[in-house]
């Protein structure tokens, strides 16, 4: 099992999850994060840290976000690792809480 970052992260890009990841499984794009399935150890530390509830176990991704599992697997390794908290993006489609 691995964890998956879904569409709910797009334009929000909270990085609290990356800061608690013990294996640096998060990869950063300009408007979102992905989780590297090869690196993730299924520790669950990231899930409670996400204020927009964008992270799910790959076995429990809601149906409307299931395609994000493949996106994370294919795309995460292409982007730089992030392992610290940076200011959230709060882009135009983010519905997350303001900091």
Protein backbone atom coordinates (compact mmCIF):
# COMPACT_ATOMS: atom_id res chain seq x y z
CA UNK A 1 0.00 0.00 0.00
CA UNK A 2 1.02 3.59 -0.60
CA UNK A 3 -0.59 6.98 -0.16
CA UNK A 4 -1.90 9.19 -2.95
CA UNK A 5 -2.20 12.97 -3.23
CA UNK A 6 -5.39 13.89 -5.09
CA UNK A 7 -6.84 16.86 -6.93
CA UNK A 8 -7.73 18.53 -3.63
CA UNK A 9 -4.07 19.56 -3.30
CA UNK A 10 -3.99 21.41 -6.63
CA UNK A 11 -3.56 25.16 -6.12
CA UNK A 12 -3.31 24.70 -2.34
CA UNK A 13 0.04 22.93 -1.96
CA UNK A 14 0.19 22.75 1.80
CA UNK A 15 3.51 21.14 2.71
CA UNK A 16 2.84 20.18 6.32
CA UNK A 17 2.63 16.59 5.07
CA UNK A 18 6.07 16.71 3.48
CA UNK A 19 7.61 18.07 6.66
CA UNK A 20 6.51 15.02 8.69
CA UNK A 21 7.35 12.36 6.09
CA UNK A 22 10.19 10.22 7.51
CA UNK A 23 11.33 8.98 4.08
CA UNK A 24 11.05 12.10 1.90
CA UNK A 25 8.37 10.56 -0.35
CA UNK A 26 6.85 13.90 -1.41
CA UNK A 27 7.69 15.58 -4.70
CA UNK A 28 6.92 19.22 -5.45
CA UNK A 29 5.37 20.81 -8.53
CA UNK A 30 4.51 24.49 -8.82
CA UNK A 31 0.88 23.94 -7.81
CA UNK A 32 0.74 20.58 -5.98
CA UNK A 33 2.56 17.65 -4.39
CA UNK A 34 2.77 13.98 -5.34
CA UNK A 35 3.80 10.94 -3.29
CA UNK A 36 6.39 8.57 -4.67
CA UNK A 37 4.97 5.04 -4.37
CA UNK A 38 8.46 3.54 -4.40
CA UNK A 39 9.56 5.61 -1.39
CA UNK A 40 6.38 5.75 0.72
CA UNK A 41 6.44 3.39 3.71
CA UNK A 42 2.74 3.68 4.51
CA UNK A 43 3.35 5.25 7.91
CA UNK A 44 0.20 7.45 7.77
CA UNK A 45 2.03 10.46 9.25
CA UNK A 46 1.04 12.71 6.34
CA UNK A 47 -2.72 12.15 6.36
CA UNK A 48 -3.64 14.10 9.52
CA UNK A 49 -1.32 16.95 8.49
CA UNK A 50 -3.22 17.78 5.28
CA UNK A 51 -5.73 20.57 5.98
CA UNK A 52 -7.59 19.95 2.70
CA UNK A 53 -7.78 16.16 3.18
CA UNK A 54 -6.14 15.47 -0.18
CA UNK A 55 -4.19 12.35 0.87
CA UNK A 56 -5.68 8.85 0.83
CA UNK A 57 -4.37 5.28 1.11
CA UNK A 58 -4.27 3.83 -2.40
CA UNK A 59 -6.84 1.24 -1.31
CA UNK A 60 -9.33 3.92 -0.21
CA UNK A 61 -9.09 6.69 -2.81
CA UNK A 62 -12.61 8.00 -3.52
CA UNK A 63 -13.87 6.92 -6.93
CA UNK A 64 -13.76 10.43 -8.41
CA UNK A 65 -10.03 10.63 -7.59
CA UNK A 66 -8.95 7.07 -8.46
CA UNK A 67 -7.02 8.22 -11.55
CA UNK A 68 -4.72 10.20 -9.22
CA UNK A 69 -3.12 6.94 -8.07
CA UNK A 70 -1.57 6.42 -11.51
CA UNK A 71 -0.68 10.11 -11.77
CA UNK A 72 1.29 9.96 -8.49
CA UNK A 73 3.05 6.74 -9.53
CA UNK A 74 4.02 8.05 -12.96
CA UNK A 75 4.74 11.69 -12.19
CA UNK A 76 6.25 11.89 -8.67
CA UNK A 77 9.75 10.69 -9.66
CA UNK A 78 9.97 13.41 -12.32
CA UNK A 79 9.92 16.25 -9.77
CA UNK A 80 12.17 17.39 -6.91
CA UNK A 81 11.76 15.99 -3.42
CA UNK A 82 10.36 18.32 -0.77
CA UNK A 83 10.87 17.57 2.92
CA UNK A 84 10.15 20.87 4.65
CA UNK A 85 7.21 23.14 5.24
CA UNK A 86 6.96 26.18 3.00
CA UNK A 87 4.12 28.71 2.73
CA UNK A 88 1.00 27.27 1.12
CA UNK A 89 0.14 28.34 -2.41
CA UNK A 90 -3.52 29.35 -1.88
CA UNK A 91 -4.09 29.54 -5.64
CA UNK A 92 -7.41 30.39 -7.31
CA UNK A 93 -8.99 26.94 -7.03
CA UNK A 94 -7.82 26.15 -3.48
CA UNK A 95 -10.65 25.71 -1.03
CA UNK A 96 -8.41 25.09 1.96
CA UNK A 97 -8.18 27.18 5.10
CA UNK A 98 -6.24 30.44 5.03
CA UNK A 99 -3.10 30.43 7.13
